[in-house]
Protein backbone atom coordinates (compact mmCIF):
# COMPACT_ATOMS: atom_id res chain seq x y z
CA MET A 1 -7.70 11.75 0.59
CA ALA A 2 -5.16 9.82 -1.37
CA ILE A 3 -3.99 8.97 -4.86
CA ILE A 4 -3.94 5.20 -5.36
CA LEU A 5 -1.55 3.92 -8.02
CA ARG A 6 -2.81 1.05 -10.19
CA LEU A 7 0.26 0.58 -12.37
CA ASP A 8 0.51 -3.09 -11.39
CA ARG A 9 -3.04 -3.74 -12.65
CA VAL A 10 -2.45 -2.06 -16.02
CA MET A 11 0.88 -3.86 -16.45
CA ALA A 12 -0.82 -7.21 -15.75
CA ASP A 13 -3.59 -6.40 -18.24
CA ARG A 14 -0.94 -5.65 -20.87
CA LYS A 15 1.16 -8.66 -19.82
CA MET A 16 4.18 -6.39 -19.48
CA SER A 17 7.00 -7.04 -17.04
CA LEU A 18 8.70 -4.38 -14.97
CA GLY A 19 11.90 -4.91 -16.95
CA GLU A 20 10.15 -4.42 -20.29
CA LEU A 21 8.37 -1.29 -19.07
CA SER A 22 11.65 0.03 -17.69
CA GLU A 23 13.31 -0.35 -21.09
CA ARG A 24 10.42 1.30 -22.94
CA VAL A 25 10.09 4.20 -20.50
CA GLY A 26 13.78 4.79 -19.76
CA VAL A 27 13.31 4.69 -15.99
CA SER A 28 15.16 2.30 -13.69
CA ASN A 29 13.50 -0.86 -12.37
CA VAL A 30 13.90 0.49 -8.84
CA ASN A 31 12.05 3.74 -9.57
CA LEU A 32 9.28 1.98 -11.52
CA SER A 33 8.93 -0.52 -8.68
CA LYS A 34 8.41 2.37 -6.25
CA ILE A 35 5.72 3.80 -8.52
CA LYS A 36 4.14 0.35 -8.90
CA THR A 37 3.96 -0.17 -5.14
CA GLY A 38 2.84 3.39 -4.39
CA LYS A 39 5.97 4.26 -2.43
CA VAL A 40 6.43 7.64 -4.14
CA SER A 41 5.18 11.08 -3.24
CA ALA A 42 5.56 12.58 -6.72
CA ILE A 43 5.91 11.58 -10.35
CA ARG A 44 7.20 13.71 -13.20
CA PHE A 45 4.80 14.41 -16.03
CA SER A 46 7.45 13.24 -18.48
CA THR A 47 7.59 9.87 -16.68
CA LEU A 48 3.80 9.63 -16.55
CA ASN A 49 3.66 10.49 -20.25
CA ALA A 50 6.21 7.78 -21.09
CA ILE A 51 4.39 5.17 -18.98
CA CYS A 52 1.06 5.98 -20.64
CA ARG A 53 2.68 5.81 -24.07
CA ALA A 54 4.32 2.44 -23.33
CA LEU A 55 1.15 0.94 -21.84
CA ASN A 56 -1.24 2.62 -24.30
CA CYS A 57 -3.35 3.97 -21.45
CA GLN A 58 -4.62 7.19 -19.89
CA PRO A 59 -3.28 8.62 -16.59
CA GLY A 60 -6.64 7.78 -14.99
CA ASP A 61 -6.04 4.11 -15.80
CA ILE A 62 -3.03 4.02 -13.48
CA MET A 63 -4.08 6.57 -10.84
CA GLU A 64 -7.23 6.83 -8.76
CA TYR A 65 -8.31 9.49 -6.25
CA LYS A 66 -10.08 8.35 -3.10
CA GLU A 67 -11.52 10.45 -0.30
CA ASP A 68 -10.72 9.47 3.28
CA GLY A 69 -13.09 6.82 4.52
CA GLU A 70 -14.26 5.64 1.08
CA ASP A 71 -13.15 2.12 1.90
CA SER A 72 -15.10 2.05 5.15
CA VAL A 73 -18.47 0.36 5.41
CA VAL A 74 -21.46 2.67 5.93
CA TYR A 75 -24.40 1.36 7.99
């Protein structure tokens, strides 16, 4: 099981750059980039709240839960 981060998709839909989101959220480009690429193991609720506020979205819009093997083809 895994949490898949879809921040890049929501940012593209909103036509918002990493720099602009960084300014609005108050989190460094480096840390937002790690969130965007899924290279984090945790995220603070305050950061998640700020991202959702800046992107006008719900947490479920930027995060997705997948069970192991969901991507595999079933015959």
